[in-house]
């Protein structure tokens, strides 16, 4: 009986190992394929200027929601960088979610 359990355990262990190796190889292959696709896309669109598209009146408005929890030292710089976005129509919403420091007073 114990010999049968040992054989069964060895077979199941082998199946599990083969499964995980196969799954990791497939995921690595998908990563390599997508990386190559991104590199190809960037190479083909190197000279394309997307700024007119983003700044067009027909572009979809964008809302940026920025959570701010204890961000006192960097909140002003963060909001300034968000306000420098180059969309035609956008809004920046800063959510102060219960900060224990002076984030809100600095932001105001």
Protein backbone atom coordinates (compact mmCIF):
# COMPACT_ATOMS: atom_id res chain seq x y z
CA UNK A 1 0.00 0.00 0.00
CA UNK A 2 2.77 2.46 0.89
CA UNK A 3 4.55 1.58 -2.35
CA UNK A 4 1.43 2.50 -4.32
CA UNK A 5 1.19 5.85 -2.47
CA UNK A 6 4.83 6.59 -3.22
CA UNK A 7 4.31 5.89 -6.92
CA UNK A 8 1.13 7.98 -6.97
CA UNK A 9 2.89 10.83 -5.17
CA UNK A 10 5.82 10.70 -7.61
CA UNK A 11 3.48 10.75 -10.63
CA UNK A 12 1.42 13.64 -9.24
CA UNK A 13 4.57 15.58 -8.38
CA UNK A 14 5.84 15.11 -11.91
CA UNK A 15 2.54 16.26 -13.39
CA UNK A 16 2.52 19.37 -11.19
CA UNK A 17 6.12 20.22 -12.08
CA UNK A 18 5.43 19.81 -15.81
CA UNK A 19 2.32 21.98 -15.47
CA UNK A 20 4.16 24.82 -13.74
CA UNK A 21 7.09 24.69 -16.13
CA UNK A 22 4.68 24.77 -19.09
CA UNK A 23 2.68 27.65 -17.62
CA UNK A 24 5.84 29.68 -16.98
CA UNK A 25 7.18 29.01 -20.48
CA UNK A 26 3.88 30.11 -22.01
CA UNK A 27 3.84 33.29 -19.90
CA UNK A 28 7.45 34.04 -20.80
CA UNK A 29 6.62 33.52 -24.48
CA UNK A 30 3.67 35.91 -24.21
CA UNK A 31 5.90 38.47 -22.47
CA UNK A 32 8.58 38.20 -25.17
CA UNK A 33 5.97 38.47 -27.93
CA UNK A 34 4.30 41.54 -26.39
CA UNK A 35 7.67 43.18 -25.72
CA UNK A 36 8.63 42.69 -29.36
CA UNK A 37 5.26 44.14 -30.44
CA UNK A 38 5.74 47.22 -28.26
CA UNK A 39 9.27 47.77 -29.56
CA UNK A 40 8.01 47.42 -33.14
CA UNK A 41 5.14 49.86 -32.47
CA UNK A 42 7.53 52.40 -30.97
CA UNK A 43 9.95 52.00 -33.87
CA UNK A 44 7.20 52.52 -36.46
CA UNK A 45 5.70 55.53 -34.66
CA UNK A 46 8.91 57.27 -33.67
CA UNK A 47 8.23 60.27 -35.90
CA UNK A 48 4.51 60.55 -35.16
CA UNK A 49 3.51 63.61 -33.16
CA UNK A 50 0.51 62.71 -30.98
CA UNK A 51 0.25 66.18 -29.41
CA UNK A 52 -2.26 67.56 -31.95
CA UNK A 53 -4.47 64.52 -31.44
CA UNK A 54 -4.44 64.87 -27.66
CA UNK A 55 -5.01 68.62 -27.78
CA UNK A 56 -7.79 68.44 -30.37
CA UNK A 57 -11.28 69.63 -29.50
CA UNK A 58 -12.53 66.19 -30.52
CA UNK A 59 -10.39 64.39 -27.95
CA UNK A 60 -12.21 62.71 -25.09
CA UNK A 61 -12.06 64.69 -21.83
CA UNK A 62 -9.84 63.13 -19.18
CA UNK A 63 -10.30 63.01 -15.42
CA UNK A 64 -7.25 62.30 -13.29
CA UNK A 65 -7.97 61.16 -9.75
CA UNK A 66 -4.96 61.41 -7.43
CA UNK A 67 -5.17 59.92 -3.95
CA UNK A 68 -3.25 61.87 -1.31
CA UNK A 69 -2.62 60.16 2.00
CA UNK A 70 0.10 61.81 4.09
CA UNK A 71 1.62 63.44 1.01
CA UNK A 72 2.37 66.80 2.65
CA UNK A 73 5.99 67.16 1.50
CA UNK A 74 5.27 66.40 -2.18
CA UNK A 75 1.60 67.25 -2.75
CA UNK A 76 2.23 70.65 -4.36
CA UNK A 77 4.78 69.27 -6.82
CA UNK A 78 2.49 66.35 -7.64
CA UNK A 79 -0.51 68.57 -8.37
CA UNK A 80 1.62 70.98 -10.43
CA UNK A 81 2.89 68.10 -12.56
CA UNK A 82 -0.67 66.84 -13.07
CA UNK A 83 -1.82 70.32 -14.08
CA UNK A 84 0.90 70.40 -16.77
CA UNK A 85 -0.74 67.57 -18.70
CA UNK A 86 -1.31 68.45 -22.34
CA UNK A 87 -4.88 67.28 -22.84
CA UNK A 88 -7.40 69.66 -24.43
CA UNK A 89 -9.97 69.12 -21.68
CA UNK A 90 -9.04 67.55 -18.38
CA UNK A 91 -9.67 67.83 -14.69
CA UNK A 92 -7.54 66.88 -11.73
CA UNK A 93 -9.32 65.58 -8.64
CA UNK A 94 -7.18 65.23 -5.53
CA UNK A 95 -8.73 62.95 -2.91
CA UNK A 96 -7.39 63.55 0.57
CA UNK A 97 -8.33 60.26 2.19
CA UNK A 98 -7.83 60.92 5.88
CA UNK A 99 -4.28 62.21 6.04
CA UNK A 100 -2.76 62.53 9.48
CA UNK A 101 -0.32 65.25 8.41
CA UNK A 102 -0.80 68.72 6.90
CA UNK A 103 -1.54 67.58 3.33
CA UNK A 104 -4.87 69.38 3.09
CA UNK A 105 -3.63 72.68 4.52
CA UNK A 106 -0.63 72.69 2.17
CA UNK A 107 -2.84 71.87 -0.80
CA UNK A 108 -5.35 74.61 0.04
